[in-house]
Amino acid sequence: MATPSNAASRAIAQRALPSLATSLALSLAFILPVHAQEKSVEKRDAATSRAEVVADLALWRRAGLDRSEPLHSSYSLQSSEYGAAHQEYLRLRASDEFQREVQKALAQR
């Protein structure tokens, strides 16, 4: 025969179980998409991403942004020299030059 304390414990457990199941389901709903994103990032070709970084740096240098006055001494990105170099970098980055640089970097590996 069930004692009053056992009956109360069962009642609490019966009310808590759906709440626990809901919490678990919500947790999985947030965890699973993150796990899927991690797998897709892992599949990306590391050589290509490295080549893209190398290509981007090459265009940055070609545009002359590496020759700009160091930021720590001027604290200004508004100089006409920097603005012109930055516009040239953006033009190069949006052109076919970027893919050519990527292919060149991949060939050097």
N, C-alpha and C. Protein backbone atom coordinates (compact mmCIF):
# COMPACT_ATOMS: atom_id res chain seq x y z
N MET A 1 0.83 -1.18 0.00
CA MET A 1 0.00 0.00 0.00
C MET A 1 0.88 1.25 0.00
N ALA A 2 0.47 2.24 -0.78
CA ALA A 2 1.27 3.45 -0.91
C ALA A 2 1.04 4.35 0.28
N THR A 3 2.12 4.83 0.82
CA THR A 3 2.01 5.78 1.93
C THR A 3 1.79 7.17 1.36
N PRO A 4 1.34 8.10 2.17
CA PRO A 4 1.11 9.46 1.66
C PRO A 4 2.37 10.08 1.08
N SER A 5 3.54 9.81 1.65
CA SER A 5 4.77 10.41 1.11
C SER A 5 5.12 9.78 -0.24
N ASN A 6 4.88 8.47 -0.42
CA ASN A 6 5.13 7.83 -1.72
C ASN A 6 4.18 8.37 -2.79
N ALA A 7 2.94 8.57 -2.43
CA ALA A 7 1.95 9.11 -3.37
C ALA A 7 2.34 10.52 -3.79
N ALA A 8 2.81 11.30 -2.85
CA ALA A 8 3.23 12.68 -3.16
C ALA A 8 4.46 12.67 -4.06
N SER A 9 5.38 11.76 -3.80
CA SER A 9 6.59 11.65 -4.63
C SER A 9 6.23 11.26 -6.05
N ARG A 10 5.30 10.32 -6.20
CA ARG A 10 4.87 9.91 -7.54
C ARG A 10 4.20 11.06 -8.28
N ALA A 11 3.39 11.80 -7.59
CA ALA A 11 2.69 12.93 -8.21
C ALA A 11 3.69 13.98 -8.69
N ILE A 12 4.69 14.23 -7.88
CA ILE A 12 5.72 15.20 -8.26
C ILE A 12 6.49 14.68 -9.48
N ALA A 13 6.85 13.41 -9.46
CA ALA A 13 7.59 12.81 -10.57
C ALA A 13 6.77 12.85 -11.86
N GLN A 14 5.46 12.58 -11.76
CA GLN A 14 4.62 12.59 -12.95
C GLN A 14 4.51 13.99 -13.54
N ARG A 15 4.52 15.01 -12.70
CA ARG A 15 4.47 16.39 -13.20
C ARG A 15 5.83 16.83 -13.73
N ALA A 16 6.90 16.37 -13.13
CA ALA A 16 8.24 16.81 -13.52
C ALA A 16 8.72 16.12 -14.80
N LEU A 17 8.30 14.91 -15.06
CA LEU A 17 8.77 14.16 -16.22
C LEU A 17 8.48 14.87 -17.54
N PRO A 18 7.27 15.34 -17.79
CA PRO A 18 7.04 16.07 -19.05
C PRO A 18 7.90 17.34 -19.14
N SER A 19 8.11 17.98 -18.01
CA SER A 19 8.94 19.19 -18.00
C SER A 19 10.38 18.86 -18.36
N LEU A 20 10.90 17.76 -17.85
CA LEU A 20 12.26 17.33 -18.17
C LEU A 20 12.37 16.95 -19.65
N ALA A 21 11.36 16.26 -20.15
CA ALA A 21 11.37 15.87 -21.56
C ALA A 21 11.35 17.10 -22.46
N THR A 22 10.58 18.09 -22.10
CA THR A 22 10.52 19.33 -22.87
C THR A 22 11.87 20.04 -22.84
N SER A 23 12.48 20.09 -21.68
CA SER A 23 13.80 20.74 -21.55
C SER A 23 14.83 20.03 -22.41
N LEU A 24 14.81 18.70 -22.40
CA LEU A 24 15.75 17.93 -23.19
C LEU A 24 15.53 18.19 -24.69
N ALA A 25 14.28 18.20 -25.10
CA ALA A 25 13.95 18.43 -26.51
C ALA A 25 14.41 19.82 -26.96
N LEU A 26 14.20 20.82 -26.12
CA LEU A 26 14.64 22.18 -26.46
C LEU A 26 16.15 22.27 -26.53
N SER A 27 16.82 21.59 -25.62
CA SER A 27 18.29 21.59 -25.63
C SER A 27 18.81 20.99 -26.92
N LEU A 28 18.24 19.87 -27.34
CA LEU A 28 18.67 19.22 -28.57
C LEU A 28 18.37 20.09 -29.79
N ALA A 29 17.27 20.82 -29.73
CA ALA A 29 16.92 21.69 -30.86
C ALA A 29 17.97 22.76 -31.09
N PHE A 30 18.64 23.20 -30.03
CA PHE A 30 19.68 24.21 -30.17
C PHE A 30 21.05 23.59 -30.44
N ILE A 31 21.30 22.42 -29.95
CA ILE A 31 22.61 21.79 -30.10
C ILE A 31 22.80 21.20 -31.50
N LEU A 32 21.82 20.54 -32.05
CA LEU A 32 21.97 19.85 -33.32
C LEU A 32 22.34 20.77 -34.48
N PRO A 33 21.70 21.95 -34.65
CA PRO A 33 22.11 22.83 -35.76
C PRO A 33 23.55 23.31 -35.62
N VAL A 34 24.01 23.58 -34.41
CA VAL A 34 25.39 24.01 -34.20
C VAL A 34 26.34 22.90 -34.60
N HIS A 35 26.02 21.68 -34.24
CA HIS A 35 26.85 20.54 -34.61
C HIS A 35 26.91 20.37 -36.13
N ALA A 36 25.81 20.57 -36.79
CA ALA A 36 25.77 20.46 -38.25
C ALA A 36 26.64 21.54 -38.90
N GLN A 37 26.62 22.76 -38.34
CA GLN A 37 27.44 23.84 -38.89
C GLN A 37 28.93 23.51 -38.73
N GLU A 38 29.30 22.93 -37.60
CA GLU A 38 30.69 22.57 -37.37
C GLU A 38 31.17 21.57 -38.42
N LYS A 39 30.33 20.61 -38.76
CA LYS A 39 30.72 19.61 -39.76
C LYS A 39 30.92 20.26 -41.12
N SER A 40 30.05 21.22 -41.49
CA SER A 40 30.19 21.85 -42.81
C SER A 40 31.45 22.70 -42.87
N VAL A 41 31.82 23.32 -41.77
CA VAL A 41 33.05 24.11 -41.74
C VAL A 41 34.26 23.18 -41.87
N GLU A 42 34.20 22.02 -41.22
CA GLU A 42 35.30 21.07 -41.28
C GLU A 42 35.53 20.57 -42.70
N LYS A 43 34.46 20.47 -43.48
CA LYS A 43 34.57 19.96 -44.84
C LYS A 43 35.23 20.95 -45.79
N ARG A 44 35.22 22.22 -45.44
CA ARG A 44 35.80 23.23 -46.32
C ARG A 44 37.28 22.96 -46.51
N ASP A 45 37.74 23.14 -47.71
CA ASP A 45 39.13 22.84 -48.04
C ASP A 45 40.05 23.88 -47.39
N ALA A 46 40.89 23.42 -46.47
CA ALA A 46 41.78 24.32 -45.74
C ALA A 46 42.79 24.97 -46.67
N ALA A 47 43.24 24.27 -47.69
CA ALA A 47 44.20 24.85 -48.63
C ALA A 47 43.59 26.03 -49.37
N THR A 48 42.32 25.91 -49.73
CA THR A 48 41.65 27.01 -50.43
C THR A 48 41.53 28.23 -49.52
N SER A 49 41.13 28.02 -48.25
CA SER A 49 40.99 29.17 -47.38
C SER A 49 42.33 29.83 -47.12
N ARG A 50 43.38 29.05 -47.01
CA ARG A 50 44.70 29.64 -46.83
C ARG A 50 45.09 30.42 -48.09
N ALA A 51 44.80 29.85 -49.24
CA ALA A 51 45.10 30.53 -50.50
C ALA A 51 44.33 31.84 -50.62
N GLU A 52 43.10 31.86 -50.13
CA GLU A 52 42.30 33.09 -50.17
C GLU A 52 42.93 34.16 -49.29
N VAL A 53 43.45 33.77 -48.15
CA VAL A 53 44.10 34.73 -47.26
C VAL A 53 45.37 35.26 -47.91
N VAL A 54 46.16 34.37 -48.50
CA VAL A 54 47.38 34.78 -49.19
C VAL A 54 47.05 35.72 -50.34
N ALA A 55 46.01 35.39 -51.09
CA ALA A 55 45.59 36.23 -52.23
C ALA A 55 45.12 37.60 -51.74
N ASP A 56 44.37 37.62 -50.66
CA ASP A 56 43.88 38.89 -50.12
C ASP A 56 45.05 39.77 -49.68
N LEU A 57 46.04 39.16 -49.03
CA LEU A 57 47.22 39.92 -48.60
C LEU A 57 47.99 40.46 -49.80
N ALA A 58 48.09 39.66 -50.86
CA ALA A 58 48.79 40.12 -52.07
C ALA A 58 48.09 41.35 -52.66
N LEU A 59 46.76 41.32 -52.69
CA LEU A 59 46.02 42.47 -53.22
C LEU A 59 46.14 43.68 -52.30
N TRP A 60 46.16 43.45 -51.01
CA TRP A 60 46.33 44.52 -50.02
C TRP A 60 47.66 45.23 -50.27
N ARG A 61 48.68 44.42 -50.48
CA ARG A 61 50.01 44.99 -50.74
C ARG A 61 50.06 45.67 -52.10
N ARG A 62 49.46 45.05 -53.13
CA ARG A 62 49.46 45.62 -54.47
C ARG A 62 48.77 46.99 -54.48
N ALA A 63 47.73 47.13 -53.68
CA ALA A 63 47.01 48.40 -53.62
C ALA A 63 47.81 49.47 -52.87
N GLY A 64 48.83 49.05 -52.13
CA GLY A 64 49.67 50.01 -51.41
C GLY A 64 49.27 50.24 -49.97
N LEU A 65 48.33 49.45 -49.48
CA LEU A 65 47.90 49.67 -48.11
C LEU A 65 48.96 49.27 -47.09
N ASP A 66 49.90 48.46 -47.47
CA ASP A 66 50.97 48.10 -46.54
C ASP A 66 51.98 49.24 -46.40
N ARG A 67 51.92 50.19 -47.32
CA ARG A 67 52.85 51.32 -47.25
C ARG A 67 52.23 52.54 -46.57
N SER A 68 50.99 52.42 -46.13
CA SER A 68 50.35 53.54 -45.44
C SER A 68 51.06 53.80 -44.12
N GLU A 69 50.94 55.02 -43.67
CA GLU A 69 51.54 55.37 -42.39
C GLU A 69 50.94 54.49 -41.30
N PRO A 70 51.75 53.97 -40.42
CA PRO A 70 51.21 53.09 -39.37
C PRO A 70 50.11 53.77 -38.57
N LEU A 71 49.07 53.01 -38.27
CA LEU A 71 47.93 53.56 -37.54
C LEU A 71 48.32 54.06 -36.16
N HIS A 72 49.28 53.40 -35.52
CA HIS A 72 49.60 53.80 -34.16
C HIS A 72 50.23 55.20 -34.11
N SER A 73 50.76 55.70 -35.22
CA SER A 73 51.35 57.04 -35.20
C SER A 73 50.39 58.11 -35.71
N SER A 74 49.40 57.72 -36.54
CA SER A 74 48.53 58.74 -37.10
C SER A 74 47.11 58.69 -36.57
N TYR A 75 46.63 57.50 -36.24
CA TYR A 75 45.25 57.29 -35.79
C TYR A 75 44.23 57.86 -36.76
N SER A 76 44.59 57.96 -38.03
CA SER A 76 43.67 58.53 -39.00
C SER A 76 43.63 57.65 -40.24
N LEU A 77 42.43 57.25 -40.58
CA LEU A 77 42.24 56.50 -41.81
C LEU A 77 41.68 57.42 -42.90
N GLN A 78 41.63 58.71 -42.62
CA GLN A 78 40.99 59.63 -43.53
C GLN A 78 41.95 60.31 -44.49
N SER A 79 43.23 59.95 -44.47
CA SER A 79 44.17 60.60 -45.38
C SER A 79 43.80 60.25 -46.82
N SER A 80 44.11 61.15 -47.73
CA SER A 80 43.78 60.91 -49.14
C SER A 80 44.59 59.74 -49.68
N GLU A 81 45.83 59.58 -49.22
CA GLU A 81 46.67 58.46 -49.67
C GLU A 81 46.05 57.13 -49.26
N TYR A 82 45.62 57.05 -48.02
CA TYR A 82 45.01 55.81 -47.54
C TYR A 82 43.70 55.56 -48.27
N GLY A 83 42.89 56.59 -48.45
CA GLY A 83 41.61 56.44 -49.13
C GLY A 83 41.77 55.93 -50.56
N ALA A 84 42.76 56.45 -51.28
CA ALA A 84 43.00 56.00 -52.65
C ALA A 84 43.48 54.56 -52.67
N ALA A 85 44.37 54.21 -51.75
CA ALA A 85 44.87 52.84 -51.68
C ALA A 85 43.75 51.87 -51.31
N HIS A 86 42.89 52.29 -50.40
CA HIS A 86 41.78 51.42 -49.98
C HIS A 86 40.80 51.21 -51.13
N GLN A 87 40.51 52.24 -51.90
CA GLN A 87 39.63 52.10 -53.05
C GLN A 87 40.23 51.15 -54.09
N GLU A 88 41.55 51.24 -54.29
CA GLU A 88 42.21 50.34 -55.22
C GLU A 88 42.13 48.90 -54.71
N TYR A 89 42.32 48.70 -53.42
CA TYR A 89 42.20 47.36 -52.84
C TYR A 89 40.80 46.80 -53.06
N LEU A 90 39.76 47.61 -52.80
CA LEU A 90 38.39 47.15 -52.99
C LEU A 90 38.12 46.80 -54.46
N ARG A 91 38.67 47.60 -55.37
CA ARG A 91 38.50 47.31 -56.79
C ARG A 91 39.16 45.98 -57.15
N LEU A 92 40.39 45.78 -56.69
CA LEU A 92 41.10 44.53 -56.96
C LEU A 92 40.38 43.34 -56.35
N ARG A 93 39.90 43.51 -55.14
CA ARG A 93 39.25 42.40 -54.42
C ARG A 93 37.96 41.98 -55.13
N ALA A 94 37.27 42.91 -55.75
CA ALA A 94 36.01 42.61 -56.43
C ALA A 94 36.23 42.14 -57.88
N SER A 95 37.46 42.24 -58.36
CA SER A 95 37.73 41.85 -59.74
C SER A 95 38.19 40.39 -59.83
N ASP A 96 38.49 39.97 -61.05
CA ASP A 96 39.01 38.61 -61.27
C ASP A 96 40.42 38.44 -60.72
N GLU A 97 41.06 39.54 -60.36
CA GLU A 97 42.41 39.46 -59.81
C GLU A 97 42.44 38.60 -58.54
N PHE A 98 41.39 38.66 -57.78
CA PHE A 98 41.37 37.87 -56.54
C PHE A 98 41.47 36.38 -56.85
N GLN A 99 40.66 35.89 -57.79
CA GLN A 99 40.71 34.47 -58.13
C GLN A 99 42.05 34.09 -58.76
N ARG A 100 42.64 35.01 -59.53
CA ARG A 100 43.97 34.73 -60.09
C ARG A 100 45.00 34.57 -58.97
N GLU A 101 44.91 35.43 -57.97
CA GLU A 101 45.83 35.34 -56.83
C GLU A 101 45.60 34.06 -56.04
N VAL A 102 44.34 33.65 -55.90
CA VAL A 102 44.03 32.41 -55.19
C VAL A 102 44.65 31.23 -55.93
N GLN A 103 44.49 31.19 -57.25
CA GLN A 103 45.05 30.11 -58.04
C GLN A 103 46.58 30.10 -57.96
N LYS A 104 47.16 31.28 -57.95
CA LYS A 104 48.61 31.37 -57.83
C LYS A 104 49.08 30.84 -56.47
N ALA A 105 48.37 31.18 -55.42
CA ALA A 105 48.73 30.70 -54.09
C ALA A 105 48.56 29.19 -53.98
N LEU A 106 47.50 28.65 -54.61
CA LEU A 106 47.29 27.20 -54.59
C LEU A 106 48.40 26.48 -55.36
N ALA A 107 48.86 27.08 -56.44
CA ALA A 107 49.92 26.46 -57.24
C ALA A 107 51.25 26.43 -56.50
N GLN A 108 51.46 27.36 -55.58
CA GLN A 108 52.72 27.43 -54.83
C GLN A 108 52.79 26.40 -53.72
N ARG A 109 51.69 25.76 -53.40
CA ARG A 109 51.68 24.77 -52.30
C ARG A 109 52.36 23.52 -52.68
